[in-house]
Protein backbone atom coordinates (compact mmCIF):
# COMPACT_ATOMS: atom_id res chain seq x y z
CA UNK A 1 -40.53 13.60 -9.66
CA UNK A 2 -36.83 13.25 -10.58
CA UNK A 3 -34.70 16.30 -9.86
CA UNK A 4 -32.87 17.51 -13.00
CA UNK A 5 -29.12 16.86 -13.08
CA UNK A 6 -26.92 19.84 -12.30
CA UNK A 7 -23.47 19.95 -13.83
CA UNK A 8 -21.06 20.41 -10.88
CA UNK A 9 -18.45 22.04 -13.09
CA UNK A 10 -20.89 24.76 -14.10
CA UNK A 11 -21.58 25.38 -10.42
CA UNK A 12 -17.84 25.50 -9.70
CA UNK A 13 -17.24 27.99 -12.53
CA UNK A 14 -20.20 30.06 -11.40
CA UNK A 15 -18.83 30.22 -7.85
CA UNK A 16 -15.42 31.40 -9.09
CA UNK A 17 -17.00 33.97 -11.41
CA UNK A 18 -18.99 35.40 -8.51
CA UNK A 19 -15.71 36.20 -6.75
CA UNK A 20 -14.72 38.65 -9.47
CA UNK A 21 -15.24 42.31 -8.70
CA UNK A 22 -18.19 43.87 -10.45
CA UNK A 23 -19.20 47.50 -10.90
CA UNK A 24 -20.28 48.96 -7.51
CA UNK A 25 -20.73 45.46 -6.08
CA UNK A 26 -18.49 43.47 -3.77
CA UNK A 27 -18.42 39.67 -3.99
CA UNK A 28 -20.32 37.85 -1.24
CA UNK A 29 -17.49 35.68 0.10
CA UNK A 30 -19.64 33.82 2.62
CA UNK A 31 -22.19 32.89 -0.02
CA UNK A 32 -19.41 31.56 -2.26
CA UNK A 33 -17.97 29.58 0.66
CA UNK A 34 -21.34 27.94 1.29
CA UNK A 35 -21.69 27.04 -2.39
CA UNK A 36 -18.17 25.56 -2.58
CA UNK A 37 -18.74 23.56 0.63
CA UNK A 38 -21.87 21.96 -0.85
CA UNK A 39 -20.04 21.29 -4.09
CA UNK A 40 -17.09 19.66 -2.26
CA UNK A 41 -19.48 17.30 -0.47
CA UNK A 42 -21.11 16.41 -3.77
CA UNK A 43 -17.76 15.62 -5.40
CA UNK A 44 -16.82 13.41 -2.43
CA UNK A 45 -20.13 11.54 -2.66
CA UNK A 46 -19.46 10.89 -6.35
CA UNK A 47 -15.95 9.56 -5.63
CA UNK A 48 -14.18 12.55 -7.15
CA UNK A 49 -12.00 13.51 -4.19
CA UNK A 50 -9.51 15.39 -6.35
CA UNK A 51 -12.24 17.84 -7.43
CA UNK A 52 -13.38 18.21 -3.83
CA UNK A 53 -9.77 19.08 -3.06
CA UNK A 54 -9.87 21.89 -5.65
CA UNK A 55 -12.97 23.28 -3.92
CA UNK A 56 -11.21 23.28 -0.55
CA UNK A 57 -8.20 25.08 -2.06
CA UNK A 58 -10.48 27.86 -3.29
CA UNK A 59 -12.16 28.02 0.12
CA UNK A 60 -8.74 28.32 1.77
CA UNK A 61 -7.84 31.23 -0.53
CA UNK A 62 -11.12 33.00 0.28
CA UNK A 63 -10.50 32.59 4.01
CA UNK A 64 -7.02 34.03 3.52
CA UNK A 65 -8.59 37.16 2.02
CA UNK A 66 -11.08 37.36 4.88
CA UNK A 67 -8.26 36.97 7.39
CA UNK A 68 -9.47 33.73 9.00
CA UNK A 69 -6.25 31.71 9.30
CA UNK A 70 -7.93 28.89 11.24
CA UNK A 71 -10.42 28.09 8.47
CA UNK A 72 -7.66 28.58 5.89
CA UNK A 73 -5.60 25.93 7.71
CA UNK A 74 -8.60 23.58 7.97
CA UNK A 75 -9.40 23.79 4.27
CA UNK A 76 -5.79 23.24 3.17
CA UNK A 77 -5.69 20.18 5.41
CA UNK A 78 -8.99 18.88 3.98
CA UNK A 79 -7.71 19.52 0.46
CA UNK A 80 -4.53 17.56 1.20
CA UNK A 81 -6.55 14.62 2.50
CA UNK A 82 -8.83 14.70 -0.53
CA UNK A 83 -5.84 14.48 -2.87
CA UNK A 84 -4.40 11.76 -0.61
CA UNK A 85 -7.56 9.66 -1.03
CA UNK A 86 -7.47 10.17 -4.80
CA UNK A 87 -3.80 9.14 -5.02
CA UNK A 88 -4.35 6.13 -2.76
CA UNK A 89 -7.23 4.96 -4.94
CA UNK A 90 -5.11 5.21 -8.08
CA UNK A 91 -2.28 3.30 -6.38
CA UNK A 92 -4.55 0.52 -5.12
CA UNK A 93 -6.14 0.14 -8.57
CA UNK A 94 -2.71 0.19 -10.30
CA UNK A 95 -3.66 3.26 -12.29
CA UNK A 96 -0.37 4.76 -13.43
CA UNK A 97 -1.83 7.62 -15.47
CA UNK A 98 -0.01 10.91 -15.01
CA UNK A 99 -1.73 13.12 -12.43
CA UNK A 100 -0.91 16.02 -10.15
CA UNK A 101 -2.54 14.43 -7.09
CA UNK A 102 0.81 13.74 -5.44
CA UNK A 103 2.09 17.29 -5.92
CA UNK A 104 -1.19 18.87 -4.83
CA UNK A 105 -1.28 16.64 -1.75
CA UNK A 106 2.22 17.64 -0.63
CA UNK A 107 1.61 21.32 -1.37
CA UNK A 108 -1.65 21.44 0.61
CA UNK A 109 -0.18 19.58 3.58
CA UNK A 110 2.86 21.88 3.56
CA UNK A 111 0.65 24.98 3.56
CA UNK A 112 -1.45 23.61 6.43
CA UNK A 113 1.69 22.65 8.40
CA UNK A 114 3.32 26.06 7.98
CA UNK A 115 0.11 27.83 9.03
CA UNK A 116 -0.29 25.81 12.22
CA UNK A 117 3.42 26.15 13.07
CA UNK A 118 3.18 29.93 12.65
CA UNK A 119 0.59 29.81 15.44
CA UNK A 120 2.65 27.57 17.77
CA UNK A 121 0.82 24.35 16.92
CA UNK A 122 3.95 22.18 17.09
CA UNK A 123 2.16 18.97 18.08
CA UNK A 124 -0.40 19.28 15.27
CA UNK A 125 2.35 20.20 12.82
CA UNK A 126 4.27 17.08 13.81
CA UNK A 127 1.17 14.91 13.43
CA UNK A 128 0.51 16.28 9.94
CA UNK A 129 4.16 15.72 8.90
CA UNK A 130 3.98 12.13 10.13
CA UNK A 131 0.59 11.61 8.48
CA UNK A 132 1.92 12.80 5.13
CA UNK A 133 5.10 10.72 5.50
CA UNK A 134 3.07 7.60 6.31
CA UNK A 135 0.85 8.19 3.29
CA UNK A 136 3.88 8.53 1.00
CA UNK A 137 5.31 5.29 2.44
CA UNK A 138 2.03 3.49 1.73
CA UNK A 139 2.36 4.35 -1.97
CA UNK A 140 6.07 3.37 -2.04
CA UNK A 141 7.37 6.95 -2.14
CA UNK A 142 9.89 6.37 0.64
CA UNK A 143 12.42 8.95 -0.54
CA UNK A 144 9.75 11.66 -0.49
CA UNK A 145 8.46 10.43 2.87
CA UNK A 146 11.78 10.54 4.73
CA UNK A 147 12.09 14.35 5.28
CA UNK A 148 8.48 14.56 6.48
CA UNK A 149 8.97 11.69 8.94
CA UNK A 150 12.22 13.22 10.21
CA UNK A 151 10.51 16.56 10.74
CA UNK A 152 7.50 14.90 12.35
CA UNK A 153 9.67 12.99 14.82
CA UNK A 154 11.45 16.22 15.76
CA UNK A 155 8.24 18.22 16.26
CA UNK A 156 6.52 15.44 18.21
CA UNK A 157 9.15 15.50 20.95
CA UNK A 158 6.61 17.64 22.83
CA UNK A 159 4.40 14.57 23.44
CA UNK A 160 5.74 11.18 24.55
CA UNK A 161 3.40 8.67 22.87
CA UNK A 162 3.21 10.62 19.61
CA UNK A 163 7.01 10.74 19.56
CA UNK A 164 7.16 6.94 20.00
CA UNK A 165 4.80 6.38 17.07
CA UNK A 166 6.74 8.83 14.87
CA UNK A 167 10.06 7.08 15.60
CA UNK A 168 8.56 3.69 14.70
CA UNK A 169 7.37 5.01 11.33
CA UNK A 170 10.71 6.70 10.71
CA UNK A 171 12.66 3.49 11.39
CA UNK A 172 10.41 1.52 9.01
CA UNK A 173 11.02 4.09 6.25
CA UNK A 174 14.79 4.01 6.81
CA UNK A 175 14.77 0.22 6.53
CA UNK A 176 12.95 0.45 3.19
CA UNK A 177 15.63 2.86 1.98
CA UNK A 178 18.34 0.46 3.25
CA UNK A 179 19.63 3.12 5.67
CA UNK A 180 20.41 0.45 8.24
CA UNK A 181 22.78 2.47 10.44
CA UNK A 182 20.22 5.28 10.67
CA UNK A 183 17.41 2.82 11.34
CA UNK A 184 19.43 1.24 14.17
CA UNK A 185 20.03 4.68 15.69
CA UNK A 186 16.30 5.43 15.47
CA UNK A 187 15.43 2.14 17.18
CA UNK A 188 17.96 3.00 19.91
CA UNK A 189 16.25 6.37 20.38
CA UNK A 190 12.86 4.65 20.53
CA UNK A 191 14.06 2.17 23.16
CA UNK A 192 15.78 4.85 25.24
CA UNK A 193 12.74 7.16 25.10
CA UNK A 194 10.44 4.40 26.34
CA UNK A 195 12.81 3.29 29.11
CA UNK A 196 13.34 6.85 30.31
CA UNK A 197 9.66 7.84 30.47
CA UNK A 198 7.98 4.75 31.95
CA UNK A 199 8.07 3.40 35.50
CA UNK A 200 7.26 -0.16 34.41
CA UNK A 201 8.66 -0.59 30.86
CA UNK A 202 7.05 -4.00 30.26
CA UNK A 203 3.55 -2.94 31.30
CA UNK A 204 0.81 -2.82 28.65
CA UNK A 205 1.99 -1.79 25.19
CA UNK A 206 5.57 -1.67 26.49
CA UNK A 207 5.93 -5.45 26.32
CA UNK A 208 5.25 -5.49 22.57
CA UNK A 209 7.37 -2.38 21.98
CA UNK A 210 10.43 -3.78 23.76
CA UNK A 211 10.04 -7.09 21.94
CA UNK A 212 9.96 -5.33 18.56
CA UNK A 213 12.95 -3.15 19.52
CA UNK A 214 15.05 -6.14 20.57
CA UNK A 215 14.29 -8.10 17.40
CA UNK A 216 14.82 -5.08 15.14
CA UNK A 217 18.12 -4.16 16.82
CA UNK A 218 19.55 -7.68 16.47
CA UNK A 219 18.46 -7.95 12.83
CA UNK A 220 19.87 -4.50 12.03
CA UNK A 221 23.15 -5.35 13.73
CA UNK A 222 23.33 -8.51 11.63
CA UNK A 223 22.44 -6.57 8.51
CA UNK A 224 24.81 -3.69 9.16
CA UNK A 225 27.88 -5.65 10.25
CA UNK A 226 27.59 -8.62 7.90
CA UNK A 227 31.04 -10.16 7.60
CA UNK A 228 32.22 -8.65 10.87
CA UNK A 229 30.09 -10.92 13.04
CA UNK A 230 32.58 -13.75 13.32
CA UNK A 231 35.41 -11.41 14.29
CA UNK A 232 33.24 -9.57 16.80
CA UNK A 233 32.07 -12.82 18.41
CA UNK A 234 35.67 -13.92 18.88
CA UNK A 235 36.45 -10.60 20.53
CA UNK A 236 33.36 -10.75 22.72
CA UNK A 237 34.25 -14.24 23.96
CA UNK A 238 37.77 -13.15 24.92
CA UNK A 239 36.74 -9.79 26.36
CA UNK A 240 37.72 -9.63 30.02
CA UNK A 241 34.92 -7.13 30.61
CA UNK A 242 32.10 -9.18 29.03
CA UNK A 243 30.86 -10.41 32.41
CA UNK A 244 30.42 -6.82 33.49
CA UNK A 245 28.56 -6.03 30.29
CA UNK A 246 26.15 -8.91 30.83
CA UNK A 247 25.36 -7.53 34.26
CA UNK A 248 24.70 -4.00 33.05
CA UNK A 249 21.22 -2.96 33.99
CA UNK A 250 18.96 -1.14 31.58
CA UNK A 251 19.65 2.27 33.06
CA UNK A 252 23.40 1.88 32.47
CA UNK A 253 22.74 0.66 28.93
CA UNK A 254 20.56 3.71 28.36
CA UNK A 255 23.30 6.09 29.53
CA UNK A 256 25.99 4.40 27.44
CA UNK A 257 23.72 4.20 24.40
CA UNK A 258 23.28 7.98 24.50
CA UNK A 259 27.02 8.64 24.68
CA UNK A 260 28.42 5.91 22.40
CA UNK A 261 29.01 6.08 18.67
CA UNK A 262 29.98 3.26 16.34
CA UNK A 263 33.14 3.93 14.32
CA UNK A 264 34.39 1.72 11.54
CA UNK A 265 37.78 0.35 10.65
CA UNK A 266 38.93 0.08 7.05
CA UNK A 267 37.43 -3.40 6.86
CA UNK A 268 34.00 -2.05 7.78
CA UNK A 269 33.97 -3.81 11.18
CA UNK A 270 33.00 -1.69 14.21
CA UNK A 271 35.71 -1.63 16.86
CA UNK A 272 34.68 -3.55 19.96
CA UNK A 273 35.68 -0.63 22.20
CA UNK A 274 33.28 1.69 20.35
CA UNK A 275 30.13 -0.43 20.18
CA UNK A 276 27.41 0.74 22.56
CA UNK A 277 26.69 -1.17 25.75
CA UNK A 278 23.20 -2.07 24.60
CA UNK A 279 24.45 -3.50 21.31
CA UNK A 280 27.14 -5.52 23.07
CA UNK A 281 24.52 -6.87 25.43
CA UNK A 282 22.20 -7.83 22.57
CA UNK A 283 25.00 -9.52 20.62
CA UNK A 284 26.06 -11.46 23.70
CA UNK A 285 22.49 -12.80 24.14
CA UNK A 286 22.53 -14.20 20.60
CA UNK A 287 26.08 -15.53 20.64
CA UNK A 288 26.84 -19.26 20.55
CA UNK A 289 28.33 -19.12 24.04
CA UNK A 290 25.17 -17.59 25.54
CA UNK A 291 23.55 -21.02 25.99
CA UNK A 292 26.69 -22.79 27.23
CA UNK A 293 27.08 -23.51 30.94
CA UNK A 294 30.29 -23.67 32.91
CA UNK A 295 31.09 -26.78 34.98
CA UNK A 296 29.84 -25.27 38.24
CA UNK A 297 26.48 -24.27 36.77
CA UNK A 298 26.04 -27.67 35.14
CA UNK A 299 26.33 -29.37 38.53
CA UNK A 300 23.90 -26.98 40.22
CA UNK A 301 21.07 -27.41 37.71
CA UNK A 302 20.45 -30.15 35.23
CA UNK A 303 17.94 -28.22 33.10
CA UNK A 304 19.40 -24.85 32.07
CA UNK A 305 16.35 -23.89 29.98
CA UNK A 306 14.38 -22.89 33.09
CA UNK A 307 16.62 -19.83 33.49
CA UNK A 308 16.26 -18.72 29.88
CA UNK A 309 15.67 -16.43 28.08
CA UNK A 310 18.33 -14.17 29.60
CA UNK A 311 16.99 -11.72 32.15
CA UNK A 312 17.74 -8.76 29.87
CA UNK A 313 15.73 -10.18 26.96
CA UNK A 314 12.20 -8.89 26.32
CA UNK A 315 11.15 -12.03 24.45
CA UNK A 316 9.07 -14.89 25.77
CA UNK A 317 10.77 -18.25 26.29
CA UNK A 318 9.53 -19.85 23.05
CA UNK A 319 10.08 -16.73 20.99
CA UNK A 320 13.63 -16.35 22.30
CA UNK A 321 14.56 -19.92 21.35
CA UNK A 322 13.12 -19.65 17.84
CA UNK A 323 14.73 -16.26 17.28
CA UNK A 324 18.08 -17.48 18.67
CA UNK A 325 17.82 -20.48 16.35
CA UNK A 326 17.04 -18.16 13.42
CA UNK A 327 20.05 -15.92 14.14
CA UNK A 328 22.40 -18.89 14.49
CA UNK A 329 21.05 -20.42 11.27
CA UNK A 330 21.68 -17.15 9.41
CA UNK A 331 25.21 -16.88 10.70
CA UNK A 332 26.10 -20.49 9.86
CA UNK A 333 24.33 -20.57 6.48
CA UNK A 334 21.73 -23.18 7.49
CA UNK A 335 18.96 -22.14 5.11
CA UNK A 336 16.60 -24.96 6.01
CA UNK A 337 16.78 -24.19 9.73
CA UNK A 338 16.40 -20.46 9.08
CA UNK A 339 13.27 -21.05 7.00
CA UNK A 340 11.81 -23.36 9.61
CA UNK A 341 12.41 -20.83 12.38
CA UNK A 342 11.04 -17.97 10.29
CA UNK A 343 7.79 -19.85 9.68
CA UNK A 344 7.17 -19.68 13.43
CA UNK A 345 8.56 -16.17 13.91
CA UNK A 346 6.70 -14.43 11.10
CA UNK A 347 3.41 -14.21 13.00
CA UNK A 348 5.25 -12.59 15.94
CA UNK A 349 7.14 -10.03 13.83
CA UNK A 350 5.85 -6.62 12.83
CA UNK A 351 6.06 -5.69 9.15
CA UNK A 352 9.46 -3.99 9.42
CA UNK A 353 11.04 -6.95 11.22
CA UNK A 354 9.52 -9.40 8.74
CA UNK A 355 11.06 -7.49 5.84
CA UNK A 356 14.43 -7.31 7.57
CA UNK A 357 14.38 -11.05 8.30
CA UNK A 358 13.44 -11.89 4.71
CA UNK A 359 16.26 -9.72 3.34
CA UNK A 360 18.76 -11.47 5.61
CA UNK A 361 17.39 -14.85 4.59
CA UNK A 362 17.75 -13.90 0.91
CA UNK A 363 21.39 -12.92 1.54
CA UNK A 364 22.10 -16.26 3.17
CA UNK A 365 20.50 -18.14 0.27
CA UNK A 366 22.58 -16.11 -2.21
CA UNK A 367 25.95 -16.07 -0.47
CA UNK A 368 25.91 -18.59 2.36
CA UNK A 369 26.18 -17.83 6.07
CA UNK A 370 26.68 -14.31 7.38
CA UNK A 371 29.85 -15.56 9.09
CA UNK A 372 31.26 -16.48 5.65
CA UNK A 373 32.34 -19.98 6.65
CA UNK A 374 32.13 -21.44 3.17
CA UNK A 375 28.60 -22.79 3.28
CA UNK A 376 27.57 -21.27 -0.07
CA UNK A 377 28.94 -24.09 -2.23
CA UNK A 378 27.17 -26.70 -0.13
CA UNK A 379 23.76 -25.12 -0.70
CA UNK A 380 24.35 -24.38 -4.38
CA UNK A 381 25.25 -28.03 -5.00
CA UNK A 382 22.02 -29.34 -3.44
């Protein structure tokens, strides 16, 4: 025997009506909560997450009246995730109809976050901020996502690994918003945090993290400085202290990174005296002179490649050569070489680094080499 269909909206209206005060009779809040919970599950089963979210909002309000802040927090969080699923589905299906899913999602998450923070749940509050920020990034709402990711990274300082993950997401969002100086600072914080809190930085996940940080930092330095690269390279080559910089260990780089700030001249080129030790070290590893040997070294070893990549690089031998080749191609305007190198590098890059590399490659194709050596006309005439 087929069970007759029950209109869920009639059940929802009936549950809300039962909350109204009646003559000499108090509403049975727990009975209404049970009815709304069943209704929310039914809406979710039918793929109507936004309506399930409305049920959870009502349940949160009832728990507020009862005085149960924990269940109020849980239901606001569930409501936010229901609206998140509804908004994600619309985005993936390219449905651009006007809806309040986005506003409801942010409002419910904000209510849940404030409730848990009022009860000293800083780690959970940070996780929820980062979760909401990541969701907004996934639907291309980067401007809305930024304040949540910033707040999440700040709150998650209480837990090392969560803080690392939050900084990675924050840097990716800043890159999307073309906030390259801020993204570089975030990557520096990520690198310094990992180096400070691990005994063996290259163990386990650290190897991949350091690789991504090195690649991202170099690409962001290229992106941020642009026309200043040629001038900086000339200064680096003539710097009497460059040998000392190359010998800086990671702990010294960490200390100088924390205390250094990059200031700009009127031409937009950072002064060499102000660039952080870590950035100077990275630039020196991807400078034309980094693969040149002096006469004494040439006599001592015939094959210099055995000692490369440089000891301070976190890249494997093959990856270092291809990435070095890619950087040099970008700076000299060699589009063909840059494309060839990128074909190999793409599978080793994370999404943020791939996007950065493609933006740099587009710039080179449009305007010639990053060093501005007049290669543009040559490529346009081909």
